């Protein structure tokens, strides 16, 4: 979901999964080596993530798709980003016009909450 959102809005993405996937599949790195649990990196995981972010900031893909390269931890130079999207306006929302109603939320407190909750 995050990858699709970043691709849609042309936002660079750094992916811990993409950076560690091959090493984990080969057995060179195990999840306990860099993760505390299924969502939180440990000390080694933070080091790996810092390296990926640094690589993302310092390197540029050589003719590669910028979104794929970003997911792998590469960087897209500002000039390439500007050329790829000359307009500064955002694209249409990812969920489309019909999704706006579904995306609406309600904030209710106290006595206003009860009618909205089904028991």
PDB file of N, CA and C in Angstrom:
ATOM      1  N   UNK A   1       0.819  -1.184   0.000  1.00  0.00           N
ATOM      2  CA  UNK A   1       0.000   0.000   0.000  1.00  0.00           C
ATOM      3  C   UNK A   1       0.878   1.269   0.000  1.00  0.00           C
ATOM      4  N   UNK A   2       1.925   1.273   0.804  1.00  0.00           N
ATOM      5  CA  UNK A   2       2.811   2.439   0.861  1.00  0.00           C
ATOM      6  C   UNK A   2       3.524   2.619  -0.480  1.00  0.00           C
ATOM      7  N   UNK A   3       3.973   1.517  -1.072  1.00  0.00           N
ATOM      8  CA  UNK A   3       4.666   1.599  -2.359  1.00  0.00           C
ATOM      9  C   UNK A   3       3.743   2.185  -3.422  1.00  0.00           C
ATOM     10  N   UNK A   4       2.492   1.733  -3.464  1.00  0.00           N
ATOM     11  CA  UNK A   4       1.535   2.243  -4.449  1.00  0.00           C
ATOM     12  C   UNK A   4       1.266   3.729  -4.217  1.00  0.00           C
ATOM     13  N   UNK A   5       1.139   4.123  -2.971  1.00  0.00           N
ATOM     14  CA  UNK A   5       0.894   5.522  -2.641  1.00  0.00           C
ATOM     15  C   UNK A   5       2.080   6.389  -3.069  1.00  0.00           C
ATOM     16  N   UNK A   6       3.286   5.952  -2.754  1.00  0.00           N
ATOM     17  CA  UNK A   6       4.487   6.711  -3.134  1.00  0.00           C
ATOM     18  C   UNK A   6       4.640   6.780  -4.647  1.00  0.00           C
ATOM     19  N   UNK A   7       4.378   5.678  -5.322  1.00  0.00           N
ATOM     20  CA  UNK A   7       4.476   5.665  -6.781  1.00  0.00           C
ATOM     21  C   UNK A   7       3.452   6.635  -7.384  1.00  0.00           C
ATOM     22  N   UNK A   8       2.220   6.615  -6.861  1.00  0.00           N
ATOM     23  CA  UNK A   8       1.160   7.473  -7.388  1.00  0.00           C
ATOM     24  C   UNK A   8       1.509   8.952  -7.241  1.00  0.00           C
ATOM     25  N   UNK A   9       2.032   9.333  -6.085  1.00  0.00           N
ATOM     26  CA  UNK A   9       2.349  10.739  -5.840  1.00  0.00           C
ATOM     27  C   UNK A   9       3.807  11.096  -6.140  1.00  0.00           C
ATOM     28  N   UNK A  10       4.544  10.140  -6.718  1.00  0.00           N
ATOM     29  CA  UNK A  10       5.950  10.339  -7.081  1.00  0.00           C
ATOM     30  C   UNK A  10       6.781  10.799  -5.889  1.00  0.00           C
ATOM     31  N   UNK A  11       6.618  10.066  -4.794  1.00  0.00           N
ATOM     32  CA  UNK A  11       7.352  10.343  -3.566  1.00  0.00           C
ATOM     33  C   UNK A  11       8.442   9.281  -3.421  1.00  0.00           C
ATOM     34  N   UNK A  12       9.680   9.680  -3.220  1.00  0.00           N
ATOM     35  CA  UNK A  12      10.748   8.689  -3.036  1.00  0.00           C
ATOM     36  C   UNK A  12      10.456   7.795  -1.832  1.00  0.00           C
ATOM     37  N   UNK A  13      10.861   6.545  -1.931  1.00  0.00           N
ATOM     38  CA  UNK A  13      10.599   5.559  -0.890  1.00  0.00           C
ATOM     39  C   UNK A  13      11.881   4.810  -0.565  1.00  0.00           C
ATOM     40  N   UNK A  14      12.133   4.611   0.706  1.00  0.00           N
ATOM     41  CA  UNK A  14      13.232   3.763   1.151  1.00  0.00           C
ATOM     42  C   UNK A  14      12.593   2.537   1.770  1.00  0.00           C
ATOM     43  N   UNK A  15      12.936   1.369   1.275  1.00  0.00           N
ATOM     44  CA  UNK A  15      12.311   0.131   1.730  1.00  0.00           C
ATOM     45  C   UNK A  15      13.310  -0.775   2.435  1.00  0.00           C
ATOM     46  N   UNK A  16      13.075  -1.013   3.721  1.00  0.00           N
ATOM     47  CA  UNK A  16      13.896  -1.954   4.489  1.00  0.00           C
ATOM     48  C   UNK A  16      13.731  -3.359   3.910  1.00  0.00           C
ATOM     49  N   UNK A  17      12.516  -3.682   3.494  1.00  0.00           N
ATOM     50  CA  UNK A  17      12.252  -5.002   2.929  1.00  0.00           C
ATOM     51  C   UNK A  17      13.071  -5.218   1.658  1.00  0.00           C
ATOM     52  N   UNK A  18      13.022  -4.235   0.758  1.00  0.00           N
ATOM     53  CA  UNK A  18      13.770  -4.362  -0.486  1.00  0.00           C
ATOM     54  C   UNK A  18      15.269  -4.445  -0.223  1.00  0.00           C
ATOM     55  N   UNK A  19      15.732  -3.735   0.788  1.00  0.00           N
ATOM     56  CA  UNK A  19      17.165  -3.708   1.090  1.00  0.00           C
ATOM     57  C   UNK A  19      17.660  -5.013   1.705  1.00  0.00           C
ATOM     58  N   UNK A  20      16.797  -5.753   2.386  1.00  0.00           N
ATOM     59  CA  UNK A  20      17.242  -6.959   3.104  1.00  0.00           C
ATOM     60  C   UNK A  20      16.704  -8.259   2.506  1.00  0.00           C
ATOM     61  N   UNK A  21      15.776  -8.178   1.590  1.00  0.00           N
ATOM     62  CA  UNK A  21      15.079  -9.361   1.081  1.00  0.00           C
ATOM     63  C   UNK A  21      16.021 -10.445   0.549  1.00  0.00           C
ATOM     64  N   UNK A  22      16.919 -10.068  -0.361  1.00  0.00           N
ATOM     65  CA  UNK A  22      17.819 -11.066  -0.956  1.00  0.00           C
ATOM     66  C   UNK A  22      18.717 -11.717   0.088  1.00  0.00           C
ATOM     67  N   UNK A  23      19.262 -10.922   1.000  1.00  0.00           N
ATOM     68  CA  UNK A  23      20.145 -11.473   2.039  1.00  0.00           C
ATOM     69  C   UNK A  23      19.393 -12.435   2.950  1.00  0.00           C
ATOM     70  N   UNK A  24      18.146 -12.133   3.263  1.00  0.00           N
ATOM     71  CA  UNK A  24      17.337 -13.019   4.105  1.00  0.00           C
ATOM     72  C   UNK A  24      17.017 -14.299   3.346  1.00  0.00           C
ATOM     73  N   UNK A  25      16.622 -14.172   2.076  1.00  0.00           N
ATOM     74  CA  UNK A  25      16.304 -15.354   1.257  1.00  0.00           C
ATOM     75  C   UNK A  25      17.511 -16.286   1.103  1.00  0.00           C
ATOM     76  N   UNK A  26      18.705 -15.705   0.976  1.00  0.00           N
ATOM     77  CA  UNK A  26      19.925 -16.506   0.823  1.00  0.00           C
ATOM     78  C   UNK A  26      20.402 -17.096   2.148  1.00  0.00           C
ATOM     79  N   UNK A  27      19.879 -16.595   3.256  1.00  0.00           N
ATOM     80  CA  UNK A  27      20.316 -17.068   4.565  1.00  0.00           C
ATOM     81  C   UNK A  27      21.514 -16.318   5.112  1.00  0.00           C
ATOM     82  N   UNK A  28      21.942 -15.263   4.421  1.00  0.00           N
ATOM     83  CA  UNK A  28      23.072 -14.455   4.893  1.00  0.00           C
ATOM     84  C   UNK A  28      22.675 -13.577   6.074  1.00  0.00           C
ATOM     85  N   UNK A  29      21.383 -13.343   6.228  1.00  0.00           N
ATOM     86  CA  UNK A  29      20.864 -12.483   7.288  1.00  0.00           C
ATOM     87  C   UNK A  29      19.568 -13.111   7.776  1.00  0.00           C
ATOM     88  N   UNK A  30      19.395 -13.201   9.081  1.00  0.00           N
ATOM     89  CA  UNK A  30      18.140 -13.724   9.631  1.00  0.00           C
ATOM     90  C   UNK A  30      17.361 -12.579  10.257  1.00  0.00           C
ATOM     91  N   UNK A  31      16.061 -12.733  10.317  1.00  0.00           N
ATOM     92  CA  UNK A  31      15.231 -11.671  10.899  1.00  0.00           C
ATOM     93  C   UNK A  31      15.664 -11.293  12.313  1.00  0.00           C
ATOM     94  N   UNK A  32      15.970 -12.248  13.198  1.00  0.00           N
ATOM     95  CA  UNK A  32      16.429 -11.839  14.534  1.00  0.00           C
ATOM     96  C   UNK A  32      17.742 -11.056  14.525  1.00  0.00           C
ATOM     97  N   UNK A  33      18.510 -11.159  13.418  1.00  0.00           N
ATOM     98  CA  UNK A  33      19.752 -10.386  13.305  1.00  0.00           C
ATOM     99  C   UNK A  33      19.490  -8.884  13.250  1.00  0.00           C
ATOM    100  N   UNK A  34      18.301  -8.490  12.759  1.00  0.00           N
ATOM    101  CA  UNK A  34      18.066  -7.059  12.602  1.00  0.00           C
ATOM    102  C   UNK A  34      16.684  -6.589  13.048  1.00  0.00           C
ATOM    103  N   UNK A  35      15.822  -7.501  13.491  1.00  0.00           N
ATOM    104  CA  UNK A  35      14.488  -7.097  13.938  1.00  0.00           C
ATOM    105  C   UNK A  35      14.245  -7.519  15.388  1.00  0.00           C
ATOM    106  N   UNK A  36      13.610  -6.627  16.167  1.00  0.00           N
ATOM    107  CA  UNK A  36      13.210  -6.976  17.532  1.00  0.00           C
ATOM    108  C   UNK A  36      11.952  -7.828  17.499  1.00  0.00           C
ATOM    109  N   UNK A  37      11.048  -7.494  16.603  1.00  0.00           N
ATOM    110  CA  UNK A  37       9.806  -8.231  16.404  1.00  0.00           C
ATOM    111  C   UNK A  37       9.420  -8.049  14.938  1.00  0.00           C
ATOM    112  N   UNK A  38       8.176  -8.307  14.596  1.00  0.00           N
ATOM    113  CA  UNK A  38       7.789  -8.253  13.179  1.00  0.00           C
ATOM    114  C   UNK A  38       7.716  -6.842  12.605  1.00  0.00           C
ATOM    115  N   UNK A  39       7.818  -5.809  13.447  1.00  0.00           N
ATOM    116  CA  UNK A  39       7.692  -4.444  12.944  1.00  0.00           C
ATOM    117  C   UNK A  39       8.814  -3.503  13.349  1.00  0.00           C
ATOM    118  N   UNK A  40       9.575  -3.842  14.358  1.00  0.00           N
ATOM    119  CA  UNK A  40      10.539  -2.898  14.919  1.00  0.00           C
ATOM    120  C   UNK A  40      11.978  -3.388  14.748  1.00  0.00           C
ATOM    121  N   UNK A  41      12.812  -2.579  14.072  1.00  0.00           N
ATOM    122  CA  UNK A  41      14.215  -2.976  13.913  1.00  0.00           C
ATOM    123  C   UNK A  41      14.967  -2.876  15.237  1.00  0.00           C
ATOM    124  N   UNK A  42      15.941  -3.769  15.409  1.00  0.00           N
ATOM    125  CA  UNK A  42      16.836  -3.705  16.556  1.00  0.00           C
ATOM    126  C   UNK A  42      18.009  -2.797  16.229  1.00  0.00           C
ATOM    127  N   UNK A  43      19.071  -2.867  17.048  1.00  0.00           N
ATOM    128  CA  UNK A  43      20.240  -2.007  16.839  1.00  0.00           C
ATOM    129  C   UNK A  43      20.848  -2.233  15.460  1.00  0.00           C
ATOM    130  N   UNK A  44      21.049  -3.502  15.074  1.00  0.00           N
ATOM    131  CA  UNK A  44      21.608  -3.799  13.761  1.00  0.00           C
ATOM    132  C   UNK A  44      20.648  -3.370  12.653  1.00  0.00           C
ATOM    133  N   UNK A  45      19.347  -3.522  12.888  1.00  0.00           N
ATOM    134  CA  UNK A  45      18.347  -3.099  11.905  1.00  0.00           C
ATOM    135  C   UNK A  45      18.373  -1.601  11.674  1.00  0.00           C
ATOM    136  N   UNK A  46      18.573  -0.835  12.752  1.00  0.00           N
ATOM    137  CA  UNK A  46      18.675   0.611  12.591  1.00  0.00           C
ATOM    138  C   UNK A  46      19.933   0.981  11.801  1.00  0.00           C
ATOM    139  N   UNK A  47      21.013   0.246  12.007  1.00  0.00           N
ATOM    140  CA  UNK A  47      22.233   0.496  11.237  1.00  0.00           C
ATOM    141  C   UNK A  47      22.013   0.204   9.759  1.00  0.00           C
ATOM    142  N   UNK A  48      21.338  -0.910   9.475  1.00  0.00           N
ATOM    143  CA  UNK A  48      21.037  -1.260   8.084  1.00  0.00           C
ATOM    144  C   UNK A  48      20.159  -0.191   7.460  1.00  0.00           C
ATOM    145  N   UNK A  49      19.132   0.227   8.182  1.00  0.00           N
ATOM    146  CA  UNK A  49      18.232   1.246   7.662  1.00  0.00           C
ATOM    147  C   UNK A  49      18.957   2.569   7.431  1.00  0.00           C
ATOM    148  N   UNK A  50      19.856   2.934   8.342  1.00  0.00           N
ATOM    149  CA  UNK A  50      20.641   4.163   8.173  1.00  0.00           C
ATOM    150  C   UNK A  50      21.503   4.084   6.914  1.00  0.00           C
ATOM    151  N   UNK A  51      22.095   2.918   6.650  1.00  0.00           N
ATOM    152  CA  UNK A  51      22.902   2.741   5.441  1.00  0.00           C
ATOM    153  C   UNK A  51      22.034   2.875   4.188  1.00  0.00           C
ATOM    154  N   UNK A  52      20.832   2.292   4.234  1.00  0.00           N
ATOM    155  CA  UNK A  52      19.923   2.362   3.087  1.00  0.00           C
ATOM    156  C   UNK A  52      19.500   3.808   2.832  1.00  0.00           C
ATOM    157  N   UNK A  53      19.161   4.535   3.892  1.00  0.00           N
ATOM    158  CA  UNK A  53      18.770   5.941   3.743  1.00  0.00           C
ATOM    159  C   UNK A  53      19.944   6.758   3.197  1.00  0.00           C
ATOM    160  N   UNK A  54      21.133   6.528   3.733  1.00  0.00           N
ATOM    161  CA  UNK A  54      22.311   7.251   3.256  1.00  0.00           C
ATOM    162  C   UNK A  54      22.572   6.951   1.781  1.00  0.00           C
ATOM    163  N   UNK A  55      22.487   5.679   1.393  1.00  0.00           N
ATOM    164  CA  UNK A  55      22.661   5.305  -0.012  1.00  0.00           C
ATOM    165  C   UNK A  55      21.597   5.992  -0.869  1.00  0.00           C
ATOM    166  N   UNK A  56      20.375   6.063  -0.363  1.00  0.00           N
ATOM    167  CA  UNK A  56      19.269   6.710  -1.090  1.00  0.00           C
ATOM    168  C   UNK A  56      19.561   8.194  -1.314  1.00  0.00           C
ATOM    169  N   UNK A  57      20.174   8.824  -0.349  1.00  0.00           N
ATOM    170  CA  UNK A  57      20.469  10.249  -0.452  1.00  0.00           C
ATOM    171  C   UNK A  57      21.688  10.556  -1.324  1.00  0.00           C
ATOM    172  N   UNK A  58      22.643   9.627  -1.383  1.00  0.00           N
ATOM    173  CA  UNK A  58      23.917   9.909  -2.043  1.00  0.00           C
ATOM    174  C   UNK A  58      24.073   9.346  -3.449  1.00  0.00           C
ATOM    175  N   UNK A  59      23.216   8.432  -3.854  1.00  0.00           N
ATOM    176  CA  UNK A  59      23.385   7.808  -5.166  1.00  0.00           C
ATOM    177  C   UNK A  59      22.165   8.030  -6.035  1.00  0.00           C
ATOM    178  N   UNK A  60      22.363   7.934  -7.329  1.00  0.00           N
ATOM    179  CA  UNK A  60      21.263   8.096  -8.280  1.00  0.00           C
ATOM    180  C   UNK A  60      21.194   6.863  -9.166  1.00  0.00           C
ATOM    181  N   UNK A  61      19.999   6.461  -9.558  1.00  0.00           N
ATOM    182  CA  UNK A  61      19.887   5.314 -10.465  1.00  0.00           C
ATOM    183  C   UNK A  61      20.424   5.679 -11.846  1.00  0.00           C
ATOM    184  N   UNK A  62      21.042   4.722 -12.497  1.00  0.00           N
ATOM    185  CA  UNK A  62      21.579   4.943 -13.846  1.00  0.00           C
ATOM    186  C   UNK A  62      20.560   4.472 -14.872  1.00  0.00           C
ATOM    187  N   UNK A  63      19.651   5.373 -15.236  1.00  0.00           N
ATOM    188  CA  UNK A  63      18.645   5.036 -16.243  1.00  0.00           C
ATOM    189  C   UNK A  63      17.577   4.093 -15.739  1.00  0.00           C
ATOM    190  N   UNK A  64      17.567   3.786 -14.448  1.00  0.00           N
ATOM    191  CA  UNK A  64      16.569   2.868 -13.910  1.00  0.00           C
ATOM    192  C   UNK A  64      15.292   3.621 -13.598  1.00  0.00           C
ATOM    193  N   UNK A  65      14.215   2.884 -13.497  1.00  0.00           N
ATOM    194  CA  UNK A  65      12.947   3.478 -13.075  1.00  0.00           C
ATOM    195  C   UNK A  65      13.139   4.048 -11.682  1.00  0.00           C
ATOM    196  N   UNK A  66      12.820   5.315 -11.509  1.00  0.00           N
ATOM    197  CA  UNK A  66      13.113   5.980 -10.238  1.00  0.00           C
ATOM    198  C   UNK A  66      12.355   5.369  -9.076  1.00  0.00           C
ATOM    199  N   UNK A  67      11.129   4.897  -9.289  1.00  0.00           N
ATOM    200  CA  UNK A  67      10.371   4.322  -8.177  1.00  0.00           C
ATOM    201  C   UNK A  67      10.950   2.974  -7.769  1.00  0.00           C
ATOM    202  N   UNK A  68      11.326   2.158  -8.737  1.00  0.00           N
ATOM    203  CA  UNK A  68      11.949   0.882  -8.407  1.00  0.00           C
ATOM    204  C   UNK A  68      13.280   1.120  -7.721  1.00  0.00           C
ATOM    205  N   UNK A  69      14.029   2.098  -8.216  1.00  0.00           N
ATOM    206  CA  UNK A  69      15.314   2.405  -7.619  1.00  0.00           C
ATOM    207  C   UNK A  69      15.146   2.955  -6.207  1.00  0.00           C
ATOM    208  N   UNK A  70      14.138   3.783  -6.000  1.00  0.00           N
ATOM    209  CA  UNK A  70      13.885   4.328  -4.662  1.00  0.00           C
ATOM    210  C   UNK A  70      13.527   3.207  -3.699  1.00  0.00           C
ATOM    211  N   UNK A  71      12.712   2.267  -4.141  1.00  0.00           N
ATOM    212  CA  UNK A  71      12.333   1.154  -3.278  1.00  0.00           C
ATOM    213  C   UNK A  71      13.548   0.331  -2.911  1.00  0.00           C
ATOM    214  N   UNK A  72      14.543   0.295  -3.790  1.00  0.00           N
ATOM    215  CA  UNK A  72      15.763  -0.459  -3.514  1.00  0.00           C
ATOM    216  C   UNK A  72      16.792   0.367  -2.752  1.00  0.00           C
ATOM    217  N   UNK A  73      16.466   1.611  -2.469  1.00  0.00           N
ATOM    218  CA  UNK A  73      17.362   2.438  -1.674  1.00  0.00           C
ATOM    219  C   UNK A  73      18.205   3.403  -2.474  1.00  0.00           C
ATOM    220  N   UNK A  74      17.969   3.524  -3.781  1.00  0.00           N
ATOM    221  CA  UNK A  74      18.745   4.452  -4.596  1.00  0.00           C
ATOM    222  C   UNK A  74      18.138   5.837  -4.516  1.00  0.00           C
ATOM    223  N   UNK A  75      18.831   6.807  -5.068  1.00  0.00           N
ATOM    224  CA  UNK A  75      18.340   8.188  -5.024  1.00  0.00           C
ATOM    225  C   UNK A  75      17.984   8.664  -6.415  1.00  0.00           C
ATOM    226  N   UNK A  76      17.127   9.643  -6.484  1.00  0.00           N
ATOM    227  CA  UNK A  76      16.788  10.290  -7.736  1.00  0.00           C
ATOM    228  C   UNK A  76      17.225  11.739  -7.620  1.00  0.00           C
ATOM    229  N   UNK A  77      18.142  12.204  -8.486  1.00  0.00           N
ATOM    230  CA  UNK A  77      18.594  13.589  -8.370  1.00  0.00           C
ATOM    231  C   UNK A  77      17.442  14.555  -8.595  1.00  0.00           C
ATOM    232  N   UNK A  78      17.568  15.741  -8.007  1.00  0.00           N
ATOM    233  CA  UNK A  78      16.510  16.752  -8.098  1.00  0.00           C
ATOM    234  C   UNK A  78      16.182  17.085  -9.545  1.00  0.00           C
ATOM    235  N   UNK A  79      17.205  17.153 -10.406  1.00  0.00           N
ATOM    236  CA  UNK A  79      16.954  17.499 -11.806  1.00  0.00           C
ATOM    237  C   UNK A  79      16.105  16.434 -12.493  1.00  0.00           C
ATOM    238  N   UNK A  80      16.335  15.171 -12.184  1.00  0.00           N
ATOM    239  CA  UNK A  80      15.546  14.092 -12.783  1.00  0.00           C
ATOM    240  C   UNK A  80      14.118  14.131 -12.260  1.00  0.00           C
ATOM    241  N   UNK A  81      13.955  14.430 -10.980  1.00  0.00           N
ATOM    242  CA  UNK A  81      12.604  14.527 -10.410  1.00  0.00           C
ATOM    243  C   UNK A  81      11.849  15.682 -11.067  1.00  0.00           C
ATOM    244  N   UNK A  82      12.518  16.807 -11.260  1.00  0.00           N
ATOM    245  CA  UNK A  82      11.868  17.969 -11.867  1.00  0.00           C
ATOM    246  C   UNK A  82      11.479  17.669 -13.308  1.00  0.00           C
ATOM    247  N   UNK A  83      12.345  16.977 -14.038  1.00  0.00           N
ATOM    248  CA  UNK A  83      12.056  16.651 -15.430  1.00  0.00           C
ATOM    249  C   UNK A  83      10.910  15.650 -15.529  1.00  0.00           C
ATOM    250  N   UNK A  84      10.823  14.743 -14.559  1.00  0.00           N
ATOM    251  CA  UNK A  84       9.783  13.724 -14.580  1.00  0.00           C
ATOM    252  C   UNK A  84       8.414  14.318 -14.279  1.00  0.00           C
ATOM    253  N   UNK A  85       8.370  15.377 -13.495  1.00  0.00           N
ATOM    254  CA  UNK A  85       7.085  15.981 -13.155  1.00  0.00           C
ATOM    255  C   UNK A  85       7.189  17.504 -13.245  1.00  0.00           C
ATOM    256  N   UNK A  86       7.068  18.054 -14.470  1.00  0.00           N
ATOM    257  CA  UNK A  86       7.208  19.496 -14.626  1.00  0.00           C
ATOM    258  C   UNK A  86       6.118  20.274 -13.894  1.00  0.00           C
ATOM    259  N   UNK A  87       4.967  19.679 -13.696  1.00  0.00           N
ATOM    260  CA  UNK A  87       3.875  20.348 -13.002  1.00  0.00           C
ATOM    261  C   UNK A  87       4.008  20.131 -11.509  1.00  0.00           C
ATOM    262  N   UNK A  88       3.720  21.148 -10.735  1.00  0.00           N
ATOM    263  CA  UNK A  88       3.795  21.056  -9.285  1.00  0.00           C
ATOM    264  C   UNK A  88       2.458  20.663  -8.667  1.00  0.00           C
ATOM    265  N   UNK A  89       1.428  20.421  -9.492  1.00  0.00           N
ATOM    266  CA  UNK A  89       0.128  20.042  -8.944  1.00  0.00           C
ATOM    267  C   UNK A  89       0.115  18.546  -8.646  1.00  0.00           C
ATOM    268  N   UNK A  90      -0.642  18.184  -7.637  1.00  0.00           N
ATOM    269  CA  UNK A  90      -0.757  16.771  -7.258  1.00  0.00           C
ATOM    270  C   UNK A  90      -1.669  16.040  -8.223  1.00  0.00           C
ATOM    271  N   UNK A  91      -1.430  14.754  -8.438  1.00  0.00           N
ATOM    272  CA  UNK A  91      -2.366  13.973  -9.249  1.00  0.00           C
ATOM    273  C   UNK A  91      -3.678  13.779  -8.486  1.00  0.00           C
ATOM    274  N   UNK A  92      -4.665  13.248  -9.164  1.00  0.00           N
ATOM    275  CA  UNK A  92      -5.942  12.965  -8.511  1.00  0.00           C
ATOM    276  C   UNK A  92      -5.708  12.031  -7.330  1.00  0.00           C
ATOM    277  N   UNK A  93      -6.587  12.076  -6.329  1.00  0.00           N
ATOM    278  CA  UNK A  93      -6.423  11.159  -5.193  1.00  0.00           C
ATOM    279  C   UNK A  93      -6.379   9.712  -5.665  1.00  0.00           C
ATOM    280  N   UNK A  94      -5.612   8.919  -5.005  1.00  0.00           N
ATOM    281  CA  UNK A  94      -5.413   7.527  -5.394  1.00  0.00           C
ATOM    282  C   UNK A  94      -6.712   6.735  -5.354  1.00  0.00           C
ATOM    283  N   UNK A  95      -7.600   7.037  -4.431  1.00  0.00           N
ATOM    284  CA  UNK A  95      -8.843   6.278  -4.305  1.00  0.00           C
ATOM    285  C   UNK A  95      -9.909   6.686  -5.303  1.00  0.00           C
ATOM    286  N   UNK A  96      -9.710   7.750  -6.060  1.00  0.00           N
ATOM    287  CA  UNK A  96     -10.668   8.173  -7.066  1.00  0.00           C
ATOM    288  C   UNK A  96     -11.831   8.952  -6.466  1.00  0.00           C
ATOM    289  N   UNK A  97     -12.652   9.537  -7.322  1.00  0.00           N
ATOM    290  CA  UNK A  97     -13.749  10.402  -6.869  1.00  0.00           C
ATOM    291  C   UNK A  97     -14.764   9.634  -6.030  1.00  0.00           C
ATOM    292  N   UNK A  98     -15.085   8.393  -6.402  1.00  0.00           N
ATOM    293  CA  UNK A  98     -16.072   7.615  -5.647  1.00  0.00           C
ATOM    294  C   UNK A  98     -15.571   7.264  -4.250  1.00  0.00           C
ATOM    295  N   UNK A  99     -14.259   7.183  -4.082  1.00  0.00           N
ATOM    296  CA  UNK A  99     -13.695   6.818  -2.793  1.00  0.00           C
ATOM    297  C   UNK A  99     -13.742   7.925  -1.767  1.00  0.00           C
ATOM    298  N   UNK A 100     -13.967   9.129  -2.175  1.00  0.00           N
ATOM    299  CA  UNK A 100     -14.004  10.248  -1.225  1.00  0.00           C
ATOM    300  C   UNK A 100     -15.089  10.056  -0.180  1.00  0.00           C
ATOM    301  N   UNK A 101     -16.256   9.596  -0.600  1.00  0.00           N
ATOM    302  CA  UNK A 101     -17.330   9.374   0.356  1.00  0.00           C
ATOM    303  C   UNK A 101     -16.957   8.252   1.316  1.00  0.00           C
ATOM    304  N   UNK A 102     -16.349   7.191   0.810  1.00  0.00           N
ATOM    305  CA  UNK A 102     -15.954   6.077   1.661  1.00  0.00           C
ATOM    306  C   UNK A 102     -14.840   6.487   2.616  1.00  0.00           C
ATOM    307  N   UNK A 103     -14.048   7.478   2.211  1.00  0.00           N
ATOM    308  CA  UNK A 103     -12.930   7.898   3.047  1.00  0.00           C
ATOM    309  C   UNK A 103     -13.343   8.898   4.123  1.00  0.00           C
ATOM    310  N   UNK A 104     -14.583   9.376   4.080  1.00  0.00           N
ATOM    311  CA  UNK A 104     -15.045  10.347   5.067  1.00  0.00           C
ATOM    312  C   UNK A 104     -15.059   9.713   6.458  1.00  0.00           C
ATOM    313  N   UNK A 105     -14.755  10.504   7.463  1.00  0.00           N
ATOM    314  CA  UNK A 105     -14.756  10.010   8.838  1.00  0.00           C
ATOM    315  C   UNK A 105     -15.661  10.881   9.693  1.00  0.00           C
ATOM    316  N   UNK A 106     -16.003  10.354  10.843  1.00  0.00           N
ATOM    317  CA  UNK A 106     -16.834  11.073  11.792  1.00  0.00           C
ATOM    318  C   UNK A 106     -16.133  11.069  13.140  1.00  0.00           C
ATOM    319  N   UNK A 107     -16.095  12.205  13.749  1.00  0.00           N
ATOM    320  CA  UNK A 107     -15.532  12.305  15.085  1.00  0.00           C
ATOM    321  C   UNK A 107     -16.697  12.505  16.054  1.00  0.00           C
ATOM    322  N   UNK A 108     -16.881  11.566  16.963  1.00  0.00           N
ATOM    323  CA  UNK A 108     -17.997  11.664  17.899  1.00  0.00           C
ATOM    324  C   UNK A 108     -17.512  11.334  19.301  1.00  0.00           C
ATOM    325  N   UNK A 109     -18.049  12.058  20.270  1.00  0.00           N
ATOM    326  CA  UNK A 109     -17.703  11.836  21.671  1.00  0.00           C
ATOM    327  C   UNK A 109     -18.965  11.680  22.509  1.00  0.00           C
ATOM    328  N   UNK A 110     -18.757  11.041  23.635  1.00  0.00           N
ATOM    329  CA  UNK A 110     -19.794  10.911  24.657  1.00  0.00           C
ATOM    330  C   UNK A 110     -21.106  10.409  24.070  1.00  0.00           C
ATOM    331  N   UNK A 111     -22.205  11.145  24.315  1.00  0.00           N
ATOM    332  CA  UNK A 111     -23.538  10.688  23.899  1.00  0.00           C
ATOM    333  C   UNK A 111     -23.697  10.631  22.383  1.00  0.00           C
ATOM    334  N   UNK A 112     -22.846  11.318  21.645  1.00  0.00           N
ATOM    335  CA  UNK A 112     -22.924  11.298  20.185  1.00  0.00           C
ATOM    336  C   UNK A 112     -22.303  10.022  19.602  1.00  0.00           C
ATOM    337  N   UNK A 113     -21.535   9.304  20.404  1.00  0.00           N
ATOM    338  CA  UNK A 113     -20.871   8.092  19.933  1.00  0.00           C
ATOM    339  C   UNK A 113     -21.813   6.892  19.919  1.00  0.00           C
ATOM    340  N   UNK A 114     -22.645   6.761  20.917  1.00  0.00           N
ATOM    341  CA  UNK A 114     -23.518   5.585  21.051  1.00  0.00           C
ATOM    342  C   UNK A 114     -24.344   5.273  19.809  1.00  0.00           C
ATOM    343  N   UNK A 115     -24.983   6.241  19.174  1.00  0.00           N
ATOM    344  CA  UNK A 115     -25.786   5.909  17.979  1.00  0.00           C
ATOM    345  C   UNK A 115     -24.948   5.372  16.823  1.00  0.00           C
ATOM    346  N   UNK A 116     -23.661   5.615  16.830  1.00  0.00           N
ATOM    347  CA  UNK A 116     -22.796   5.173  15.738  1.00  0.00           C
ATOM    348  C   UNK A 116     -22.208   3.774  15.943  1.00  0.00           C
ATOM    349  N   UNK A 117     -22.354   3.248  17.156  1.00  0.00           N
ATOM    350  CA  UNK A 117     -21.770   1.957  17.507  1.00  0.00           C
ATOM    351  C   UNK A 117     -22.857   0.894  17.530  1.00  0.00           C
ATOM    352  N   UNK A 118     -22.610  -0.192  16.817  1.00  0.00           N
ATOM    353  CA  UNK A 118     -23.572  -1.301  16.860  1.00  0.00           C
ATOM    354  C   UNK A 118     -23.059  -2.345  17.838  1.00  0.00           C
ATOM    355  N   UNK A 119     -23.923  -2.794  18.716  1.00  0.00           N
ATOM    356  CA  UNK A 119     -23.539  -3.779  19.743  1.00  0.00           C
ATOM    357  C   UNK A 119     -23.883  -5.129  19.311  1.00  0.00           C
TER     358      UNK A 119
END
